[in-house]
Every structure is written in C-alpha cells, then in structure tokens.
C-alpha atoms as a PDB file:
ATOM      1  CA  MET A   1       0.000   0.000   0.000  1.00  0.00           C
ATOM      2  CA  SER A   2       1.543   3.328  -1.033  1.00  0.00           C
ATOM      3  CA  LYS A   3       1.269   6.533   0.940  1.00  0.00           C
ATOM      4  CA  ARG A   4      -0.707   9.356  -0.543  1.00  0.00           C
ATOM      5  CA  TYR A   5       0.975  12.713  -0.253  1.00  0.00           C
ATOM      6  CA  SER A   6      -0.761  16.066  -0.292  1.00  0.00           C
ATOM      7  CA  ARG A   7       0.670  19.304  -1.547  1.00  0.00           C
ATOM      8  CA  LEU A   8       2.059  21.735   0.984  1.00  0.00           C
ATOM      9  CA  THR A   9      -0.092  24.815   1.368  1.00  0.00           C
ATOM     10  CA  GLU A  10       2.138  26.762   3.760  1.00  0.00           C
ATOM     11  CA  PRO A  11       5.852  26.819   4.525  1.00  0.00           C
ATOM     12  CA  LEU A  12       7.369  24.511   7.135  1.00  0.00           C
ATOM     13  CA  VAL A  13      10.569  25.005   9.141  1.00  0.00           C
ATOM     14  CA  ARG A  14      12.484  22.515  11.224  1.00  0.00           C
ATOM     15  CA  ASP A  15      12.246  23.095  14.965  1.00  0.00           C
ATOM     16  CA  GLY A  16      14.497  20.485  16.551  1.00  0.00           C
ATOM     17  CA  ASN A  17      13.375  17.171  15.058  1.00  0.00           C
ATOM     18  CA  GLU A  18       9.919  18.434  14.108  1.00  0.00           C
ATOM     19  CA  LEU A  19       8.552  20.445  11.208  1.00  0.00           C
ATOM     20  CA  ARG A  20       6.196  23.260  12.086  1.00  0.00           C
ATOM     21  CA  VAL A  21       4.152  25.774  10.131  1.00  0.00           C
ATOM     22  CA  ALA A  22       5.879  29.127   9.648  1.00  0.00           C
ATOM     23  CA  THR A  23       5.246  32.432   7.928  1.00  0.00           C
ATOM     24  CA  TRP A  24       6.828  33.010   4.532  1.00  0.00           C
ATOM     25  CA  ASP A  25       9.128  35.643   6.035  1.00  0.00           C
ATOM     26  CA  GLU A  26      10.359  33.210   8.691  1.00  0.00           C
ATOM     27  CA  ALA A  27      10.833  30.391   6.170  1.00  0.00           C
ATOM     28  CA  LEU A  28      12.825  32.631   3.812  1.00  0.00           C
ATOM     29  CA  ASP A  29      14.965  33.847   6.728  1.00  0.00           C
ATOM     30  CA  VAL A  30      15.718  30.235   7.714  1.00  0.00           C
ATOM     31  CA  ALA A  31      16.659  29.398   4.105  1.00  0.00           C
ATOM     32  CA  ALA A  32      18.893  32.482   3.818  1.00  0.00           C
ATOM     33  CA  LYS A  33      20.662  31.611   7.085  1.00  0.00           C
ATOM     34  CA  GLY A  34      21.240  28.084   5.754  1.00  0.00           C
ATOM     35  CA  PHE A  35      22.876  29.472   2.602  1.00  0.00           C
ATOM     36  CA  LEU A  36      25.046  31.823   4.683  1.00  0.00           C
ATOM     37  CA  ARG A  37      26.080  28.956   6.966  1.00  0.00           C
ATOM     38  CA  ALA A  38      26.994  26.769   3.974  1.00  0.00           C
ATOM     39  CA  LYS A  39      28.998  29.613   2.441  1.00  0.00           C
ATOM     40  CA  SER A  40      30.894  30.260   5.672  1.00  0.00           C
ATOM     41  CA  GLN A  41      31.757  26.552   5.905  1.00  0.00           C
ATOM     42  CA  GLY A  42      33.351  26.329   2.462  1.00  0.00           C
ATOM     43  CA  ALA A  43      30.523  26.159  -0.050  1.00  0.00           C
ATOM     44  CA  GLU A  44      32.993  26.386  -2.933  1.00  0.00           C
ATOM     45  CA  ASN A  45      33.795  22.716  -2.295  1.00  0.00           C
ATOM     46  CA  SER A  46      30.661  21.402  -0.603  1.00  0.00           C
ATOM     47  CA  PHE A  47      27.796  23.108  -2.430  1.00  0.00           C
ATOM     48  CA  GLY A  48      26.481  22.379  -5.897  1.00  0.00           C
ATOM     49  CA  ILE A  49      23.454  22.293  -8.118  1.00  0.00           C
ATOM     50  CA  PHE A  50      21.981  19.864 -10.602  1.00  0.00           C
ATOM     51  CA  SER A  51      19.884  21.377 -13.346  1.00  0.00           C
ATOM     52  CA  CYS A  52      17.558  19.882 -15.936  1.00  0.00           C
ATOM     53  CA  SER A  53      17.285  20.319 -19.681  1.00  0.00           C
ATOM     54  CA  LYS A  54      13.501  20.526 -19.304  1.00  0.00           C
ATOM     55  CA  ALA A  55      13.839  23.738 -17.303  1.00  0.00           C
ATOM     56  CA  THR A  56      13.839  27.032 -19.155  1.00  0.00           C
ATOM     57  CA  ASN A  57      17.113  28.589 -20.302  1.00  0.00           C
ATOM     58  CA  GLU A  58      16.390  31.470 -17.948  1.00  0.00           C
ATOM     59  CA  LEU A  59      16.026  29.171 -14.923  1.00  0.00           C
ATOM     60  CA  ASN A  60      19.212  27.282 -15.802  1.00  0.00           C
ATOM     61  CA  PHE A  61      21.061  30.596 -16.252  1.00  0.00           C
ATOM     62  CA  LEU A  62      19.849  31.963 -12.906  1.00  0.00           C
ATOM     63  CA  SER A  63      20.707  28.696 -11.141  1.00  0.00           C
ATOM     64  CA  GLN A  64      24.314  28.668 -12.353  1.00  0.00           C
ATOM     65  CA  LYS A  65      24.638  32.418 -11.700  1.00  0.00           C
ATOM     66  CA  PHE A  66      23.445  31.941  -8.099  1.00  0.00           C
ATOM     67  CA  ILE A  67      25.861  29.067  -7.444  1.00  0.00           C
ATOM     68  CA  ARG A  68      28.832  30.910  -8.954  1.00  0.00           C
ATOM     69  CA  THR A  69      28.286  34.446  -7.681  1.00  0.00           C
ATOM     70  CA  VAL A  70      26.469  33.955  -4.366  1.00  0.00           C
ATOM     71  CA  MET A  71      27.797  30.610  -3.148  1.00  0.00           C
ATOM     72  CA  GLY A  72      31.229  30.831  -4.821  1.00  0.00           C
ATOM     73  CA  SER A  73      31.026  27.320  -6.270  1.00  0.00           C
ATOM     74  CA  ASN A  74      31.556  25.962  -9.772  1.00  0.00           C
ATOM     75  CA  ASN A  75      29.898  22.630  -8.901  1.00  0.00           C
ATOM     76  CA  ILE A  76      27.188  22.679 -11.560  1.00  0.00           C
ATOM     77  CA  ASP A  77      25.888  19.656 -13.423  1.00  0.00           C
ATOM     78  CA  SER A  78      23.001  19.050 -15.765  1.00  0.00           C
ATOM     79  CA  CYS A  79      21.213  16.220 -17.471  1.00  0.00           C
ATOM     80  CA  ASN A  80      21.865  18.103 -20.734  1.00  0.00           C
ATOM     81  CA  ARG A  81      25.076  16.136 -21.187  1.00  0.00           C
ATOM     82  CA  THR A  82      23.491  12.673 -20.967  1.00  0.00           C
END
C-alpha cells in the first residue's frame, strides 16, 4: 500500500526534530541563514546544483549564476550532457 501525499499549502521550518508551520518571512529567513552557513563553511567545495534540460534557459542561467556568484562554487551539473 503506497502513501498518498498532499501538496504543501504553507511553509514549514524545522524546529528540533519536528517540522512546524511558519510564515513566509520566517521560512525565507531560515533558508537564507542556511545558505550563509553553507557559504561560511566552504561552499565552494561542498555546495552544488543539478539542473535539468527541461527547465527554461532562464532558470538554468539563474541557477548557475546563483551558485557561482552567491555561493562561490563551480559545482554545476546538468542532465543536458546525458
């Protein structure tokens, strides 16, 4: 028997071992702090992104631009090469 999953209708943040409902502002702050923490711990070697050829050119461009300029990493891969 497979589980049936519903779509999320509001953001969730981790509070200890639990997920709890949060405001969008709080969720975005948590995400931004996570990116800053990763960057301060050497994101150029530990952070990367995998992109898809089915995404738009604009999304792929913004993804690689974010990884290179914000996170300082060149770890970018894509299913375009397969």
